[in-house]
Amino acid sequence: MKARNVIAVVLVLLSFVILIPGLIRPLITISASIEAFGATREIFRETRSILQTVRTLHESGNDFVAGLIFLFSVVVPFVKGALLAVIPWLKSREARQRVFAIVRDISKWAMADVFVVGVYVAYLSAKATDNLDAELKVGFYYFASYCLVSLLALQFMKVGERRPSADASGASRTVTRGRRRSAA
Protein backbone atom coordinates (compact mmCIF):
# COMPACT_ATOMS: atom_id res chain seq x y z
CA MET A 1 0.00 0.00 0.00
CA LYS A 2 1.29 3.45 -0.90
CA ALA A 3 2.29 5.82 1.90
CA ARG A 4 -0.37 8.29 0.70
CA ASN A 5 -3.05 5.63 1.11
CA VAL A 6 -1.82 4.70 4.58
CA ILE A 7 -2.15 8.38 5.52
CA ALA A 8 -5.61 8.49 3.90
CA VAL A 9 -6.81 5.43 5.85
CA VAL A 10 -5.45 6.88 9.11
CA LEU A 11 -7.27 10.14 8.32
CA VAL A 12 -10.49 8.21 7.60
CA LEU A 13 -10.23 6.46 10.97
CA LEU A 14 -9.50 9.79 12.64
CA SER A 15 -12.51 11.32 10.89
CA PHE A 16 -14.76 8.60 12.39
CA VAL A 17 -13.29 9.28 15.85
CA ILE A 18 -14.04 12.98 15.39
CA LEU A 19 -17.47 12.47 13.76
CA ILE A 20 -19.01 10.52 16.63
CA PRO A 21 -18.63 13.27 19.27
CA GLY A 22 -19.61 15.74 16.54
CA LEU A 23 -22.95 13.95 16.31
CA ILE A 24 -23.66 13.37 20.01
CA ARG A 25 -22.04 16.32 21.80
CA PRO A 26 -23.89 19.65 22.08
CA LEU A 27 -23.64 21.64 18.85
CA ILE A 28 -25.21 24.98 19.68
CA THR A 29 -27.10 26.69 22.48
CA ILE A 30 -29.70 29.27 21.54
CA SER A 31 -31.28 31.47 24.16
CA ALA A 32 -33.84 34.24 24.03
CA SER A 33 -34.40 36.94 26.58
CA ILE A 34 -36.75 39.80 27.13
CA GLU A 35 -36.22 43.04 28.92
CA ALA A 36 -39.05 44.01 31.24
CA PHE A 37 -39.12 46.55 34.05
CA GLY A 38 -35.41 47.21 33.70
CA ALA A 39 -34.42 43.57 34.13
CA THR A 40 -33.47 41.04 31.52
CA ARG A 41 -35.15 37.66 31.86
CA GLU A 42 -34.28 34.58 29.90
CA ILE A 43 -37.41 33.06 28.36
CA PHE A 44 -35.86 30.32 26.26
CA ARG A 45 -32.64 28.28 26.30
CA GLU A 46 -32.03 25.18 24.27
CA THR A 47 -28.87 23.17 23.65
CA ARG A 48 -28.92 20.47 21.00
CA SER A 49 -26.62 17.98 19.33
CA ILE A 50 -27.15 16.87 15.75
CA LEU A 51 -28.75 13.59 16.80
CA GLN A 52 -30.97 15.34 19.38
CA THR A 53 -32.09 17.72 16.64
CA VAL A 54 -32.96 14.78 14.38
CA ARG A 55 -34.95 13.12 17.17
CA THR A 56 -36.77 16.35 18.10
CA LEU A 57 -37.68 17.02 14.47
CA HIS A 58 -38.98 13.46 14.10
CA GLU A 59 -41.01 13.68 17.31
CA SER A 60 -42.57 16.96 16.18
CA GLY A 61 -43.66 15.44 12.87
CA ASN A 62 -40.95 17.00 10.71
CA ASP A 63 -39.79 13.64 9.38
CA PHE A 64 -38.64 14.96 6.01
CA VAL A 65 -36.23 17.50 7.55
CA ALA A 66 -35.13 14.99 10.20
CA GLY A 67 -34.47 12.44 7.47
CA LEU A 68 -32.43 14.88 5.41
CA ILE A 69 -30.27 15.88 8.37
CA PHE A 70 -29.82 12.22 9.35
CA LEU A 71 -28.97 11.19 5.79
CA PHE A 72 -26.49 13.96 5.06
CA SER A 73 -24.94 14.30 8.52
CA VAL A 74 -24.84 10.67 9.65
CA VAL A 75 -25.39 8.10 6.89
CA VAL A 76 -23.44 9.74 4.05
CA PRO A 77 -20.34 10.48 6.17
CA PHE A 78 -20.16 6.87 7.41
CA VAL A 79 -20.73 5.37 3.94
CA LYS A 80 -18.20 7.75 2.40
CA GLY A 81 -15.59 6.94 5.05
CA ALA A 82 -16.16 3.20 4.84
CA LEU A 83 -15.79 3.19 1.06
CA LEU A 84 -12.69 5.37 1.23
CA ALA A 85 -11.11 3.05 3.81
CA VAL A 86 -11.76 -0.02 1.59
CA ILE A 87 -10.19 1.40 -1.58
CA PRO A 88 -6.53 0.56 -0.82
CA TRP A 89 -7.37 -3.12 -0.23
CA LEU A 90 -9.16 -3.64 -3.54
CA LYS A 91 -7.04 -5.75 -5.88
CA SER A 92 -8.20 -4.35 -9.21
CA ARG A 93 -7.28 -0.82 -10.19
CA GLU A 94 -10.58 -0.57 -12.06
CA ALA A 95 -12.46 -1.49 -8.88
CA ARG A 96 -10.48 1.11 -6.91
CA GLN A 97 -11.27 3.72 -9.56
CA ARG A 98 -14.99 2.83 -9.55
CA VAL A 99 -15.27 2.99 -5.76
CA PHE A 100 -13.25 6.23 -5.68
CA ALA A 101 -15.61 7.71 -8.30
CA ILE A 102 -18.55 6.72 -6.07
CA VAL A 103 -16.87 8.42 -3.10
CA ARG A 104 -16.31 11.57 -5.17
CA ASP A 105 -19.97 11.51 -6.24
CA ILE A 106 -21.12 10.96 -2.65
CA SER A 107 -18.91 13.86 -1.59
CA LYS A 108 -20.85 16.13 -3.91
CA TRP A 109 -24.00 15.15 -2.02
CA ALA A 110 -22.39 15.13 1.42
CA MET A 111 -23.94 18.17 2.96
CA ALA A 112 -21.97 17.99 6.21
CA ASP A 113 -19.85 20.98 5.29
CA VAL A 114 -22.95 22.93 4.23
CA PHE A 115 -24.58 21.97 7.54
CA VAL A 116 -21.60 23.37 9.46
CA VAL A 117 -21.79 26.62 7.53
CA GLY A 118 -25.56 26.77 8.13
CA VAL A 119 -25.09 26.35 11.88
CA TYR A 120 -22.42 29.03 11.87
CA VAL A 121 -24.67 31.43 9.96
CA ALA A 122 -27.46 30.76 12.48
CA TYR A 123 -24.96 31.47 15.24
CA LEU A 124 -23.91 34.77 13.67
CA SER A 125 -27.47 35.88 12.99
CA ALA A 126 -28.49 35.11 16.57
CA LYS A 127 -25.52 37.09 17.85
CA ALA A 128 -26.64 40.06 15.77
CA THR A 129 -30.04 40.22 17.49
CA ASP A 130 -30.41 41.96 20.84
CA ASN A 131 -32.77 39.49 22.48
CA LEU A 132 -31.42 36.33 20.90
CA ASP A 133 -28.08 34.75 21.64
CA ALA A 134 -26.24 31.71 20.38
CA GLU A 135 -23.21 29.88 21.64
CA LEU A 136 -21.33 27.32 19.60
CA LYS A 137 -20.56 24.20 21.63
CA VAL A 138 -17.87 21.55 21.36
CA GLY A 139 -19.97 19.39 19.00
CA PHE A 140 -19.77 22.09 16.34
CA TYR A 141 -15.99 22.07 16.45
CA TYR A 142 -15.85 18.27 16.33
CA PHE A 143 -18.20 18.20 13.36
CA ALA A 144 -16.34 20.99 11.54
CA SER A 145 -13.08 19.11 12.20
CA TYR A 146 -14.63 15.94 10.79
CA CYS A 147 -15.46 17.83 7.57
CA LEU A 148 -11.88 19.02 7.17
CA VAL A 149 -10.25 15.69 8.05
CA SER A 150 -12.54 13.72 5.73
CA LEU A 151 -11.79 16.11 2.85
CA LEU A 152 -8.08 15.75 3.57
CA ALA A 153 -8.40 11.94 3.53
CA LEU A 154 -10.07 12.13 0.13
CA GLN A 155 -7.24 14.30 -1.17
CA PHE A 156 -4.56 11.89 0.05
CA MET A 157 -6.13 8.76 -1.48
CA LYS A 158 -4.27 7.58 -4.58
CA VAL A 159 -6.10 5.07 -6.75
CA GLY A 160 -3.74 4.77 -9.73
CA GLU A 161 -5.85 6.63 -12.24
CA ARG A 162 -5.00 6.42 -15.89
CA ARG A 163 -2.69 9.16 -17.05
CA PRO A 164 -2.52 10.29 -20.67
CA SER A 165 1.03 10.46 -22.05
CA ALA A 166 2.36 11.64 -25.36
CA ASP A 167 4.51 9.40 -27.56
CA ALA A 168 7.32 10.65 -29.82
CA SER A 169 4.81 11.70 -32.49
CA GLY A 170 2.90 13.79 -29.96
CA ALA A 171 -0.17 11.50 -30.12
CA SER A 172 -1.91 11.08 -26.80
CA ARG A 173 -1.86 7.56 -25.37
CA THR A 174 -3.19 6.10 -22.14
CA VAL A 175 -0.74 4.14 -19.99
CA THR A 176 -2.41 1.07 -18.52
CA ARG A 177 -0.44 -1.55 -16.54
CA GLY A 178 2.72 -0.95 -18.48
CA ARG A 179 1.04 -1.27 -21.90
CA ARG A 180 0.22 1.60 -24.20
CA ARG A 181 -3.14 1.93 -25.76
CA SER A 182 -3.88 4.52 -28.39
CA ALA A 183 -6.38 7.14 -27.30
CA ALA A 184 -7.31 7.97 -30.87
C-alpha atoms as a PDB file:
ATOM      1  CA  MET A   1       0.000   0.000   0.000  1.00  0.00           C
ATOM      2  CA  LYS A   2       1.293   3.453  -0.903  1.00  0.00           C
ATOM      3  CA  ALA A   3       2.290   5.817   1.903  1.00  0.00           C
ATOM      4  CA  ARG A   4      -0.365   8.286   0.703  1.00  0.00           C
ATOM      5  CA  ASN A   5      -3.053   5.634   1.106  1.00  0.00           C
ATOM      6  CA  VAL A   6      -1.823   4.701   4.580  1.00  0.00           C
ATOM      7  CA  ILE A   7      -2.153   8.381   5.522  1.00  0.00           C
ATOM      8  CA  ALA A   8      -5.611   8.489   3.898  1.00  0.00           C
ATOM      9  CA  VAL A   9      -6.808   5.431   5.852  1.00  0.00           C
ATOM     10  CA  VAL A  10      -5.447   6.883   9.112  1.00  0.00           C
ATOM     11  CA  LEU A  11      -7.265  10.144   8.321  1.00  0.00           C
ATOM     12  CA  VAL A  12     -10.493   8.213   7.605  1.00  0.00           C
ATOM     13  CA  LEU A  13     -10.229   6.461  10.965  1.00  0.00           C
ATOM     14  CA  LEU A  14      -9.498   9.793  12.643  1.00  0.00           C
ATOM     15  CA  SER A  15     -12.514  11.323  10.888  1.00  0.00           C
ATOM     16  CA  PHE A  16     -14.758   8.602  12.392  1.00  0.00           C
ATOM     17  CA  VAL A  17     -13.291   9.275  15.847  1.00  0.00           C
ATOM     18  CA  ILE A  18     -14.044  12.983  15.385  1.00  0.00           C
ATOM     19  CA  LEU A  19     -17.467  12.472  13.765  1.00  0.00           C
ATOM     20  CA  ILE A  20     -19.008  10.520  16.633  1.00  0.00           C
ATOM     21  CA  PRO A  21     -18.627  13.271  19.267  1.00  0.00           C
ATOM     22  CA  GLY A  22     -19.612  15.737  16.541  1.00  0.00           C
ATOM     23  CA  LEU A  23     -22.945  13.948  16.314  1.00  0.00           C
ATOM     24  CA  ILE A  24     -23.661  13.371  20.011  1.00  0.00           C
ATOM     25  CA  ARG A  25     -22.043  16.315  21.797  1.00  0.00           C
ATOM     26  CA  PRO A  26     -23.892  19.653  22.076  1.00  0.00           C
ATOM     27  CA  LEU A  27     -23.644  21.645  18.852  1.00  0.00           C
ATOM     28  CA  ILE A  28     -25.212  24.983  19.683  1.00  0.00           C
ATOM     29  CA  THR A  29     -27.105  26.691  22.481  1.00  0.00           C
ATOM     30  CA  ILE A  30     -29.701  29.269  21.542  1.00  0.00           C
ATOM     31  CA  SER A  31     -31.279  31.475  24.158  1.00  0.00           C
ATOM     32  CA  ALA A  32     -33.844  34.245  24.029  1.00  0.00           C
ATOM     33  CA  SER A  33     -34.395  36.936  26.580  1.00  0.00           C
ATOM     34  CA  ILE A  34     -36.751  39.800  27.133  1.00  0.00           C
ATOM     35  CA  GLU A  35     -36.220  43.038  28.924  1.00  0.00           C
ATOM     36  CA  ALA A  36     -39.045  44.009  31.243  1.00  0.00           C
ATOM     37  CA  PHE A  37     -39.117  46.549  34.052  1.00  0.00           C
ATOM     38  CA  GLY A  38     -35.407  47.210  33.698  1.00  0.00           C
ATOM     39  CA  ALA A  39     -34.424  43.569  34.133  1.00  0.00           C
ATOM     40  CA  THR A  40     -33.470  41.037  31.515  1.00  0.00           C
ATOM     41  CA  ARG A  41     -35.152  37.662  31.856  1.00  0.00           C
ATOM     42  CA  GLU A  42     -34.285  34.575  29.900  1.00  0.00           C
ATOM     43  CA  ILE A  43     -37.414  33.061  28.361  1.00  0.00           C
ATOM     44  CA  PHE A  44     -35.863  30.317  26.257  1.00  0.00           C
ATOM     45  CA  ARG A  45     -32.642  28.283  26.298  1.00  0.00           C
ATOM     46  CA  GLU A  46     -32.028  25.176  24.271  1.00  0.00           C
ATOM     47  CA  THR A  47     -28.866  23.171  23.650  1.00  0.00           C
ATOM     48  CA  ARG A  48     -28.917  20.468  20.997  1.00  0.00           C
ATOM     49  CA  SER A  49     -26.617  17.983  19.332  1.00  0.00           C
ATOM     50  CA  ILE A  50     -27.152  16.866  15.753  1.00  0.00           C
ATOM     51  CA  LEU A  51     -28.751  13.588  16.803  1.00  0.00           C
ATOM     52  CA  GLN A  52     -30.967  15.339  19.383  1.00  0.00           C
ATOM     53  CA  THR A  53     -32.087  17.718  16.642  1.00  0.00           C
ATOM     54  CA  VAL A  54     -32.965  14.784  14.376  1.00  0.00           C
ATOM     55  CA  ARG A  55     -34.952  13.122  17.174  1.00  0.00           C
ATOM     56  CA  THR A  56     -36.774  16.348  18.102  1.00  0.00           C
ATOM     57  CA  LEU A  57     -37.677  17.019  14.473  1.00  0.00           C
ATOM     58  CA  HIS A  58     -38.976  13.458  14.099  1.00  0.00           C
ATOM     59  CA  GLU A  59     -41.013  13.675  17.314  1.00  0.00           C
ATOM     60  CA  SER A  60     -42.570  16.955  16.181  1.00  0.00           C
ATOM     61  CA  GLY A  61     -43.660  15.439  12.867  1.00  0.00           C
ATOM     62  CA  ASN A  62     -40.948  17.001  10.711  1.00  0.00           C
ATOM     63  CA  ASP A  63     -39.790  13.645   9.380  1.00  0.00           C
ATOM     64  CA  PHE A  64     -38.636  14.964   6.009  1.00  0.00           C
ATOM     65  CA  VAL A  65     -36.233  17.498   7.547  1.00  0.00           C
ATOM     66  CA  ALA A  66     -35.129  14.990  10.203  1.00  0.00           C
ATOM     67  CA  GLY A  67     -34.466  12.444   7.472  1.00  0.00           C
ATOM     68  CA  LEU A  68     -32.425  14.878   5.412  1.00  0.00           C
ATOM     69  CA  ILE A  69     -30.266  15.881   8.366  1.00  0.00           C
ATOM     70  CA  PHE A  70     -29.820  12.221   9.354  1.00  0.00           C
ATOM     71  CA  LEU A  71     -28.974  11.188   5.789  1.00  0.00           C
ATOM     72  CA  PHE A  72     -26.485  13.963   5.059  1.00  0.00           C
ATOM     73  CA  SER A  73     -24.943  14.304   8.525  1.00  0.00           C
ATOM     74  CA  VAL A  74     -24.837  10.667   9.648  1.00  0.00           C
ATOM     75  CA  VAL A  75     -25.387   8.097   6.886  1.00  0.00           C
ATOM     76  CA  VAL A  76     -23.444   9.738   4.050  1.00  0.00           C
ATOM     77  CA  PRO A  77     -20.337  10.484   6.166  1.00  0.00           C
ATOM     78  CA  PHE A  78     -20.164   6.872   7.412  1.00  0.00           C
ATOM     79  CA  VAL A  79     -20.727   5.370   3.944  1.00  0.00           C
ATOM     80  CA  LYS A  80     -18.199   7.755   2.396  1.00  0.00           C
ATOM     81  CA  GLY A  81     -15.594   6.943   5.052  1.00  0.00           C
ATOM     82  CA  ALA A  82     -16.162   3.195   4.836  1.00  0.00           C
ATOM     83  CA  LEU A  83     -15.790   3.188   1.058  1.00  0.00           C
ATOM     84  CA  LEU A  84     -12.691   5.369   1.232  1.00  0.00           C
ATOM     85  CA  ALA A  85     -11.112   3.046   3.807  1.00  0.00           C
ATOM     86  CA  VAL A  86     -11.756  -0.015   1.594  1.00  0.00           C
ATOM     87  CA  ILE A  87     -10.193   1.398  -1.583  1.00  0.00           C
ATOM     88  CA  PRO A  88      -6.527   0.557  -0.822  1.00  0.00           C
ATOM     89  CA  TRP A  89      -7.373  -3.121  -0.231  1.00  0.00           C
ATOM     90  CA  LEU A  90      -9.165  -3.637  -3.535  1.00  0.00           C
ATOM     91  CA  LYS A  91      -7.035  -5.752  -5.884  1.00  0.00           C
ATOM     92  CA  SER A  92      -8.198  -4.353  -9.208  1.00  0.00           C
ATOM     93  CA  ARG A  93      -7.284  -0.825 -10.193  1.00  0.00           C
ATOM     94  CA  GLU A  94     -10.576  -0.570 -12.061  1.00  0.00           C
ATOM     95  CA  ALA A  95     -12.459  -1.487  -8.883  1.00  0.00           C
ATOM     96  CA  ARG A  96     -10.478   1.112  -6.908  1.00  0.00           C
ATOM     97  CA  GLN A  97     -11.273   3.717  -9.557  1.00  0.00           C
ATOM     98  CA  ARG A  98     -14.988   2.825  -9.549  1.00  0.00           C
ATOM     99  CA  VAL A  99     -15.266   2.989  -5.756  1.00  0.00           C
ATOM    100  CA  PHE A 100     -13.250   6.226  -5.675  1.00  0.00           C
ATOM    101  CA  ALA A 101     -15.605   7.705  -8.297  1.00  0.00           C
ATOM    102  CA  ILE A 102     -18.551   6.718  -6.071  1.00  0.00           C
ATOM    103  CA  VAL A 103     -16.867   8.419  -3.105  1.00  0.00           C
ATOM    104  CA  ARG A 104     -16.307  11.569  -5.175  1.00  0.00           C
ATOM    105  CA  ASP A 105     -19.970  11.512  -6.242  1.00  0.00           C
ATOM    106  CA  ILE A 106     -21.118  10.960  -2.654  1.00  0.00           C
ATOM    107  CA  SER A 107     -18.907  13.860  -1.589  1.00  0.00           C
ATOM    108  CA  LYS A 108     -20.848  16.128  -3.908  1.00  0.00           C
ATOM    109  CA  TRP A 109     -23.996  15.148  -2.021  1.00  0.00           C
ATOM    110  CA  ALA A 110     -22.387  15.134   1.416  1.00  0.00           C
ATOM    111  CA  MET A 111     -23.944  18.169   2.964  1.00  0.00           C
ATOM    112  CA  ALA A 112     -21.972  17.989   6.207  1.00  0.00           C
ATOM    113  CA  ASP A 113     -19.851  20.981   5.295  1.00  0.00           C
ATOM    114  CA  VAL A 114     -22.947  22.929   4.230  1.00  0.00           C
ATOM    115  CA  PHE A 115     -24.582  21.967   7.536  1.00  0.00           C
ATOM    116  CA  VAL A 116     -21.600  23.369   9.458  1.00  0.00           C
ATOM    117  CA  VAL A 117     -21.787  26.624   7.526  1.00  0.00           C
ATOM    118  CA  GLY A 118     -25.558  26.772   8.131  1.00  0.00           C
ATOM    119  CA  VAL A 119     -25.085  26.349  11.879  1.00  0.00           C
ATOM    120  CA  TYR A 120     -22.425  29.027  11.869  1.00  0.00           C
ATOM    121  CA  VAL A 121     -24.675  31.428   9.957  1.00  0.00           C
ATOM    122  CA  ALA A 122     -27.461  30.757  12.482  1.00  0.00           C
ATOM    123  CA  TYR A 123     -24.960  31.470  15.239  1.00  0.00           C
ATOM    124  CA  LEU A 124     -23.914  34.773  13.672  1.00  0.00           C
ATOM    125  CA  SER A 125     -27.472  35.879  12.993  1.00  0.00           C
ATOM    126  CA  ALA A 126     -28.493  35.107  16.566  1.00  0.00           C
ATOM    127  CA  LYS A 127     -25.521  37.088  17.850  1.00  0.00           C
ATOM    128  CA  ALA A 128     -26.645  40.056  15.766  1.00  0.00           C
ATOM    129  CA  THR A 129     -30.041  40.223  17.487  1.00  0.00           C
ATOM    130  CA  ASP A 130     -30.406  41.964  20.842  1.00  0.00           C
ATOM    131  CA  ASN A 131     -32.765  39.491  22.482  1.00  0.00           C
ATOM    132  CA  LEU A 132     -31.422  36.333  20.895  1.00  0.00           C
ATOM    133  CA  ASP A 133     -28.081  34.750  21.643  1.00  0.00           C
ATOM    134  CA  ALA A 134     -26.238  31.714  20.379  1.00  0.00           C
ATOM    135  CA  GLU A 135     -23.215  29.885  21.643  1.00  0.00           C
ATOM    136  CA  LEU A 136     -21.327  27.320  19.603  1.00  0.00           C
ATOM    137  CA  LYS A 137     -20.556  24.205  21.627  1.00  0.00           C
ATOM    138  CA  VAL A 138     -17.875  21.552  21.361  1.00  0.00           C
ATOM    139  CA  GLY A 139     -19.969  19.389  19.000  1.00  0.00           C
ATOM    140  CA  PHE A 140     -19.773  22.088  16.344  1.00  0.00           C
ATOM    141  CA  TYR A 141     -15.986  22.069  16.450  1.00  0.00           C
ATOM    142  CA  TYR A 142     -15.845  18.266  16.331  1.00  0.00           C
ATOM    143  CA  PHE A 143     -18.196  18.205  13.365  1.00  0.00           C
ATOM    144  CA  ALA A 144     -16.339  20.986  11.536  1.00  0.00           C
ATOM    145  CA  SER A 145     -13.084  19.109  12.199  1.00  0.00           C
ATOM    146  CA  TYR A 146     -14.632  15.945  10.787  1.00  0.00           C
ATOM    147  CA  CYS A 147     -15.463  17.825   7.572  1.00  0.00           C
ATOM    148  CA  LEU A 148     -11.880  19.025   7.171  1.00  0.00           C
ATOM    149  CA  VAL A 149     -10.248  15.689   8.050  1.00  0.00           C
ATOM    150  CA  SER A 150     -12.537  13.723   5.730  1.00  0.00           C
ATOM    151  CA  LEU A 151     -11.790  16.107   2.852  1.00  0.00           C
ATOM    152  CA  LEU A 152      -8.076  15.745   3.570  1.00  0.00           C
ATOM    153  CA  ALA A 153      -8.404  11.935   3.526  1.00  0.00           C
ATOM    154  CA  LEU A 154     -10.075  12.129   0.128  1.00  0.00           C
ATOM    155  CA  GLN A 155      -7.237  14.297  -1.171  1.00  0.00           C
ATOM    156  CA  PHE A 156      -4.556  11.885   0.053  1.00  0.00           C
ATOM    157  CA  MET A 157      -6.128   8.764  -1.478  1.00  0.00           C
ATOM    158  CA  LYS A 158      -4.273   7.580  -4.583  1.00  0.00           C
ATOM    159  CA  VAL A 159      -6.101   5.067  -6.751  1.00  0.00           C
ATOM    160  CA  GLY A 160      -3.744   4.767  -9.733  1.00  0.00           C
ATOM    161  CA  GLU A 161      -5.854   6.625 -12.237  1.00  0.00           C
ATOM    162  CA  ARG A 162      -4.999   6.417 -15.892  1.00  0.00           C
ATOM    163  CA  ARG A 163      -2.691   9.158 -17.054  1.00  0.00           C
ATOM    164  CA  PRO A 164      -2.517  10.291 -20.669  1.00  0.00           C
ATOM    165  CA  SER A 165       1.031  10.464 -22.048  1.00  0.00           C
ATOM    166  CA  ALA A 166       2.361  11.637 -25.361  1.00  0.00           C
ATOM    167  CA  ASP A 167       4.515   9.402 -27.560  1.00  0.00           C
ATOM    168  CA  ALA A 168       7.322  10.648 -29.816  1.00  0.00           C
ATOM    169  CA  SER A 169       4.815  11.696 -32.488  1.00  0.00           C
ATOM    170  CA  GLY A 170       2.898  13.787 -29.957  1.00  0.00           C
ATOM    171  CA  ALA A 171      -0.170  11.504 -30.121  1.00  0.00           C
ATOM    172  CA  SER A 172      -1.913  11.079 -26.805  1.00  0.00           C
ATOM    173  CA  ARG A 173      -1.858   7.564 -25.371  1.00  0.00           C
ATOM    174  CA  THR A 174      -3.186   6.096 -22.142  1.00  0.00           C
ATOM    175  CA  VAL A 175      -0.738   4.144 -19.993  1.00  0.00           C
ATOM    176  CA  THR A 176      -2.408   1.067 -18.518  1.00  0.00           C
ATOM    177  CA  ARG A 177      -0.443  -1.549 -16.540  1.00  0.00           C
ATOM    178  CA  GLY A 178       2.722  -0.949 -18.480  1.00  0.00           C
ATOM    179  CA  ARG A 179       1.037  -1.271 -21.903  1.00  0.00           C
ATOM    180  CA  ARG A 180       0.216   1.597 -24.202  1.00  0.00           C
ATOM    181  CA  ARG A 181      -3.142   1.929 -25.763  1.00  0.00           C
ATOM    182  CA  SER A 182      -3.881   4.522 -28.389  1.00  0.00           C
ATOM    183  CA  ALA A 183      -6.385   7.137 -27.299  1.00  0.00           C
ATOM    184  CA  ALA A 184      -7.312   7.973 -30.873  1.00  0.00           C
END
